[in-house]
Every structure is written in structure tokens, then in C-alpha cells.
Amino acid sequence: MKKTFNQLDKIQIVIAIVALLLAILGFMYDNLTEIAFLLIAINLLVNEMRSFRKDKKSIFSYLIIVMAILIIFLSIHKLLY
């Protein structure tokens, strides 16, 4: 069985790999860890938006989307200040 990836899947894989590398390098530099959190939250937000289209009645989708947005705002705030 051949699995095909669409464009969004490929972008998410690249974001996840970059976030993993930044998290590993974040042991030496503090700002890289915050950027890794930001990328992970963006990836989580994209995943949940895709699953939200299928099942809009699930409360967990709403909660995860709100938490991902909150993580994005807090990461940006910590990076700027």
C-alpha cells in the first residue's frame, strides 16, 4: 500500500524536524528553545484545524486549538521581552 503525502503533510514534517533540531540546540541557547515551542505550537494548531474540519462537535479540538494559540502568544511575548 503506497502512502502519499500532500503538500501540508510535507510542510508539517519539515516544521517538526526543524523544531526538534532547535530544541536540541536550545540546551546551549535560550532563544532557540522558545522558537522550537513556537514551531511545535504552530504544528499542533495545523493538526487540530485539520481534525476540526472532520469533527466540529469535539470539545477537545476546541481546547487544543485555544491552548496552541495561547502557547504561540506566550512564546512570542517571551521572545520579544
Protein backbone atom coordinates (compact mmCIF):
# COMPACT_ATOMS: atom_id res chain seq x y z
CA MET A 1 0.00 0.00 0.00
CA LYS A 2 1.50 3.28 -1.11
CA LYS A 3 1.03 6.27 1.17
CA THR A 4 1.05 9.65 -0.49
CA PHE A 5 1.69 12.87 1.36
CA ASN A 6 0.05 16.09 0.32
CA GLN A 7 1.77 19.48 0.49
CA LEU A 8 0.55 20.27 4.02
CA ASP A 9 1.87 16.95 5.34
CA LYS A 10 5.31 17.68 3.91
CA ILE A 11 5.34 21.16 5.45
CA GLN A 12 4.39 19.73 8.84
CA ILE A 13 7.18 17.16 8.63
CA VAL A 14 9.72 19.90 7.86
CA ILE A 15 8.41 22.07 10.73
CA ALA A 16 8.63 19.13 13.14
CA ILE A 17 12.22 18.30 12.12
CA VAL A 18 13.32 21.94 12.42
CA ALA A 19 11.62 22.23 15.82
CA LEU A 20 13.38 19.09 17.01
CA LEU A 21 16.77 20.41 15.92
CA LEU A 22 16.12 23.77 17.55
CA ALA A 23 15.03 22.08 20.77
CA ILE A 24 18.26 20.07 20.83
CA LEU A 25 20.34 23.19 20.15
CA GLY A 26 18.25 25.02 22.76
CA PHE A 27 20.33 23.44 25.50
CA MET A 28 23.07 25.90 24.53
CA TYR A 29 20.96 28.91 23.50
CA ASP A 30 17.77 30.01 25.27
CA ASN A 31 16.01 31.72 22.37
CA LEU A 32 16.15 28.59 20.23
CA THR A 33 14.02 26.74 22.75
CA GLU A 34 11.34 29.42 22.54
CA ILE A 35 11.39 29.26 18.74
CA ALA A 36 11.05 25.47 18.97
CA PHE A 37 7.99 25.89 21.24
CA LEU A 38 6.55 28.31 18.71
CA LEU A 39 7.04 25.87 15.82
CA ILE A 40 5.60 22.96 17.80
CA ALA A 41 2.53 25.03 18.70
CA ILE A 42 2.04 26.02 15.06
CA ASN A 43 2.30 22.39 14.04
CA LEU A 44 -0.21 21.40 16.72
CA LEU A 45 -2.56 24.16 15.59
CA VAL A 46 -2.42 22.99 11.96
CA ASN A 47 -3.09 19.38 13.00
CA GLU A 48 -6.06 20.34 15.12
CA MET A 49 -7.53 22.59 12.43
CA ARG A 50 -7.39 19.65 10.04
CA SER A 51 -9.13 17.34 12.52
CA PHE A 52 -11.57 20.13 13.45
CA ARG A 53 -12.92 20.12 9.90
CA LYS A 54 -13.94 16.48 10.31
CA ASP A 55 -15.47 16.64 13.80
CA LYS A 56 -16.72 20.04 14.93
CA LYS A 57 -18.59 18.66 17.94
CA SER A 58 -15.50 17.55 19.85
CA ILE A 59 -14.65 19.82 22.78
CA PHE A 60 -11.07 18.57 22.79
CA SER A 61 -10.44 20.11 19.38
CA TYR A 62 -11.57 23.48 20.71
CA LEU A 63 -9.39 23.15 23.81
CA ILE A 64 -6.28 22.14 21.90
CA ILE A 65 -6.74 24.98 19.40
CA VAL A 66 -7.07 27.50 22.24
CA MET A 67 -4.03 26.07 24.04
CA ALA A 68 -1.94 26.16 20.85
CA ILE A 69 -2.88 29.80 20.24
CA LEU A 70 -2.04 30.62 23.86
CA ILE A 71 1.37 28.92 23.54
CA ILE A 72 2.05 30.88 20.35
CA PHE A 73 1.22 34.20 22.01
CA LEU A 74 3.24 33.41 25.13
CA SER A 75 6.25 32.29 23.08
CA ILE A 76 6.16 35.47 21.00
CA HIS A 77 5.79 37.56 24.15
CA LYS A 78 8.77 35.84 25.80
CA LEU A 79 10.88 36.25 22.66
CA LEU A 80 10.15 39.96 22.42
CA TYR A 81 10.65 40.82 26.11
